[in-house]
Amino acid sequence: MGLALERPAHAEMRLAQAPPWPPPPLTPPMAPVVVGPRVTLHVDNPNARLQAYTPVRWVDVCLDPCGVIVDQRTLLRVGGGTSMASQPFQLPRPSGDVLVEAQVGSKVKHWTGLGLMIGGGVAALYGVFYWQFSRAFRDPDTPDGVGNNFSDSIRNIGLTAIGVGVALEIAGIVLFSSHTSVEVH
């Protein structure tokens, strides 16, 4: 009887075998076939991308050169990275090849221009202040109110500050006007 109660060495109690973990991936559903024109993108800035609008945000579609098929109803723009975004546009036809050409503006130039415009305005205001302040140091005993050396120095500082302010303002306006223009053919 002892021999009958004895278990053979190879016979072990086994638990019910659990399925492997992690479970095998499911086959992905087929992506819907996009029907529309094939877009070719030409930009003058390698940072710019063709972007499509989703209900939440703008997503990148492709870089120059593109060659991707896009649904005609999709709202598109050129932008991304340090590029100024263009005005949104749609493709002009439901099929065929569409060429999108863009002259891309820079966000860095745009915001640098804003800084220069602010700095130029402040410098010009200080210049006007110094120019007006120089009148307080004119010699009242002279018939035409000619100033002394100190008054002339303050006036010259003021006029120089006005000139620098105007120059900064002009440079700032030029840089601030950086924008992206798009032509769709």
Protein backbone atom coordinates (compact mmCIF):
# COMPACT_ATOMS: atom_id res chain seq x y z
CA MET A 1 0.00 0.00 0.00
CA GLY A 2 2.81 2.35 0.62
CA LEU A 3 3.82 1.96 -2.96
CA ALA A 4 0.37 2.87 -4.17
CA LEU A 5 0.25 6.05 -2.07
CA GLU A 6 3.60 7.15 -3.24
CA ARG A 7 3.44 9.61 -6.16
CA PRO A 8 5.77 9.29 -9.04
CA ALA A 9 8.41 12.08 -9.21
CA HIS A 10 7.20 13.36 -12.56
CA ALA A 11 3.59 13.71 -11.53
CA GLU A 12 3.06 17.13 -9.97
CA MET A 13 -0.05 18.94 -9.13
CA ARG A 14 -0.73 21.43 -11.83
CA LEU A 15 -2.93 24.45 -11.58
CA ALA A 16 -5.25 25.32 -14.35
CA GLN A 17 -3.10 26.92 -16.98
CA ALA A 18 -3.74 30.71 -17.26
CA PRO A 19 -3.68 32.43 -20.64
CA PRO A 20 -0.37 34.12 -21.53
CA TRP A 21 0.14 37.69 -20.36
CA PRO A 22 -0.10 40.18 -21.93
CA PRO A 23 -2.80 38.92 -24.22
CA PRO A 24 -1.93 38.89 -27.91
CA PRO A 25 -2.76 42.16 -29.65
CA LEU A 26 -5.95 42.39 -31.57
CA THR A 27 -5.70 43.04 -35.24
CA PRO A 28 -6.07 46.79 -35.82
CA PRO A 29 -9.15 47.89 -37.67
CA MET A 30 -8.58 48.88 -41.23
CA ALA A 31 -7.97 52.60 -41.57
CA PRO A 32 -10.49 54.33 -43.80
CA VAL A 33 -9.21 54.98 -47.28
CA VAL A 34 -8.59 58.69 -47.79
CA VAL A 35 -9.93 59.94 -51.08
CA GLY A 36 -8.82 63.32 -52.31
CA PRO A 37 -6.10 65.20 -54.14
CA ARG A 38 -2.39 64.47 -53.70
CA VAL A 39 -0.68 67.51 -52.15
CA THR A 40 2.85 68.60 -53.02
CA LEU A 41 4.30 71.18 -50.64
CA HIS A 42 7.07 73.66 -51.53
CA VAL A 43 8.23 76.04 -48.77
CA ASP A 44 11.25 78.30 -48.37
CA ASN A 45 11.80 77.29 -44.72
CA PRO A 46 12.61 73.68 -43.71
CA ASN A 47 10.81 74.15 -40.36
CA ALA A 48 7.43 74.69 -42.01
CA ARG A 49 4.93 71.85 -42.32
CA LEU A 50 1.54 71.26 -43.84
CA GLN A 51 -0.92 71.01 -40.95
CA ALA A 52 -4.52 69.81 -40.76
CA TYR A 53 -7.15 70.98 -38.28
CA THR A 54 -8.68 68.42 -35.95
CA PRO A 55 -11.46 69.27 -33.51
CA VAL A 56 -8.83 69.75 -30.79
CA ARG A 57 -5.70 71.16 -32.43
CA TRP A 58 -3.58 71.46 -35.57
CA VAL A 59 -1.62 68.30 -36.43
CA ASP A 60 1.31 67.90 -38.79
CA VAL A 61 0.53 66.18 -42.09
CA CYS A 62 3.86 66.31 -43.91
CA LEU A 63 7.10 68.16 -44.64
CA ASP A 64 8.42 69.57 -47.92
CA PRO A 65 8.13 67.77 -50.39
CA CYS A 66 4.88 66.19 -49.42
CA GLY A 67 3.03 63.88 -51.81
CA VAL A 68 0.32 62.84 -49.34
CA ILE A 69 -3.35 62.36 -50.22
CA VAL A 70 -5.63 64.67 -48.21
CA ASP A 71 -9.40 64.86 -47.99
CA GLN A 72 -10.57 67.95 -49.88
CA ARG A 73 -12.81 69.05 -46.99
CA THR A 74 -9.90 69.18 -44.51
CA LEU A 75 -8.94 72.63 -43.27
CA LEU A 76 -5.19 73.08 -43.86
CA ARG A 77 -2.47 75.63 -43.12
CA VAL A 78 1.30 75.97 -43.43
CA GLY A 79 3.09 76.50 -40.12
CA GLY A 80 4.72 74.72 -37.23
CA GLY A 81 8.00 75.09 -35.38
CA THR A 82 9.37 78.61 -35.56
CA SER A 83 7.25 79.40 -38.63
CA MET A 84 4.36 81.83 -38.58
CA ALA A 85 1.16 79.97 -39.38
CA SER A 86 -0.64 80.88 -42.57
CA GLN A 87 -4.34 81.57 -42.91
CA PRO A 88 -6.35 78.33 -43.07
CA PHE A 89 -7.30 77.11 -46.55
CA GLN A 90 -8.98 74.18 -48.29
CA LEU A 91 -7.92 72.37 -51.41
CA PRO A 92 -9.50 73.65 -54.64
CA ARG A 93 -10.46 70.30 -56.23
CA PRO A 94 -11.57 66.84 -55.09
CA SER A 95 -8.88 64.89 -56.98
CA GLY A 96 -5.66 65.22 -58.93
CA ASP A 97 -2.43 66.91 -57.94
CA VAL A 98 -2.41 70.13 -55.89
CA LEU A 99 0.70 72.26 -55.43
CA VAL A 100 0.96 74.34 -52.24
CA GLU A 101 3.70 76.99 -52.37
CA ALA A 102 4.47 79.09 -49.30
CA GLN A 103 6.69 82.00 -48.36
CA VAL A 104 7.13 81.35 -44.65
CA GLY A 105 7.48 84.07 -42.02
CA SER A 106 9.41 83.65 -38.78
CA LYS A 107 8.00 83.83 -35.25
CA VAL A 108 11.44 84.92 -34.03
CA LYS A 109 11.49 87.90 -36.42
CA HIS A 110 7.89 88.73 -35.54
CA TRP A 111 8.46 88.90 -31.78
CA THR A 112 11.87 90.56 -32.17
CA GLY A 113 10.12 93.23 -34.23
CA LEU A 114 7.58 93.75 -31.45
CA GLY A 115 10.41 94.17 -28.94
CA LEU A 116 12.17 96.69 -31.19
CA MET A 117 8.95 98.65 -31.67
CA ILE A 118 8.41 98.86 -27.91
CA GLY A 119 12.07 99.79 -27.33
CA GLY A 120 11.96 102.39 -30.10
CA GLY A 121 8.83 103.98 -28.64
CA VAL A 122 10.39 104.16 -25.17
CA ALA A 123 13.66 105.61 -26.54
CA ALA A 124 11.77 108.25 -28.51
CA LEU A 125 9.72 109.23 -25.43
CA TYR A 126 12.89 109.59 -23.37
CA GLY A 127 14.35 111.69 -26.20
CA VAL A 128 11.36 114.03 -26.17
CA PHE A 129 11.63 114.26 -22.39
CA TYR A 130 15.35 115.19 -22.54
CA TRP A 131 14.77 117.63 -25.38
CA GLN A 132 12.06 119.42 -23.42
CA PHE A 133 14.09 119.17 -20.20
CA SER A 134 17.02 120.98 -21.88
CA ARG A 135 14.88 124.14 -22.05
CA ALA A 136 14.99 124.40 -18.27
CA PHE A 137 18.76 125.00 -18.46
CA ARG A 138 18.73 127.75 -21.07
CA ASP A 139 20.20 131.06 -20.10
CA PRO A 140 17.27 133.45 -19.54
CA ASP A 141 19.51 136.55 -19.87
CA THR A 142 20.21 135.98 -23.55
CA PRO A 143 17.68 137.55 -25.92
CA ASP A 144 16.99 134.46 -28.04
CA GLY A 145 17.17 131.95 -25.15
CA VAL A 146 20.38 130.35 -26.37
CA GLY A 147 21.43 127.63 -23.98
CA ASN A 148 24.72 126.93 -22.35
CA ASN A 149 26.91 123.88 -22.87
CA PHE A 150 24.94 121.80 -20.36
CA SER A 151 21.61 122.68 -21.97
CA ASP A 152 23.02 121.90 -25.43
CA SER A 153 24.34 118.53 -24.22
CA ILE A 154 20.95 117.52 -22.80
CA ARG A 155 19.22 118.66 -26.00
CA ASN A 156 21.68 116.64 -28.12
CA ILE A 157 21.12 113.54 -25.96
CA GLY A 158 17.39 113.99 -26.42
CA LEU A 159 17.63 114.40 -30.19
CA THR A 160 19.93 111.36 -30.43
CA ALA A 161 17.48 109.28 -28.40
CA ILE A 162 14.63 110.40 -30.68
CA GLY A 163 16.67 109.37 -33.75
CA VAL A 164 17.56 105.97 -32.25
CA GLY A 165 13.92 105.47 -31.24
CA VAL A 166 12.69 106.21 -34.77
CA ALA A 167 15.29 103.84 -36.28
CA LEU A 168 14.31 101.05 -33.86
CA GLU A 169 10.64 101.66 -34.60
CA ILE A 170 11.18 101.34 -38.35
CA ALA A 171 13.26 98.15 -37.98
CA GLY A 172 10.66 96.76 -35.59
CA ILE A 173 7.78 97.40 -37.98
CA VAL A 174 9.66 95.67 -40.81
CA LEU A 175 10.42 92.59 -38.67
CA PHE A 176 6.98 92.53 -37.01
CA SER A 177 5.27 92.33 -40.38
CA SER A 178 6.78 88.87 -41.03
CA HIS A 179 3.97 86.56 -42.13
CA THR A 180 3.33 83.41 -44.17
CA SER A 181 1.71 83.62 -47.58
CA VAL A 182 0.35 80.56 -49.37
CA GLU A 183 -0.55 79.96 -53.01
CA VAL A 184 -2.54 76.84 -53.89
CA HIS A 185 -2.34 75.66 -57.53
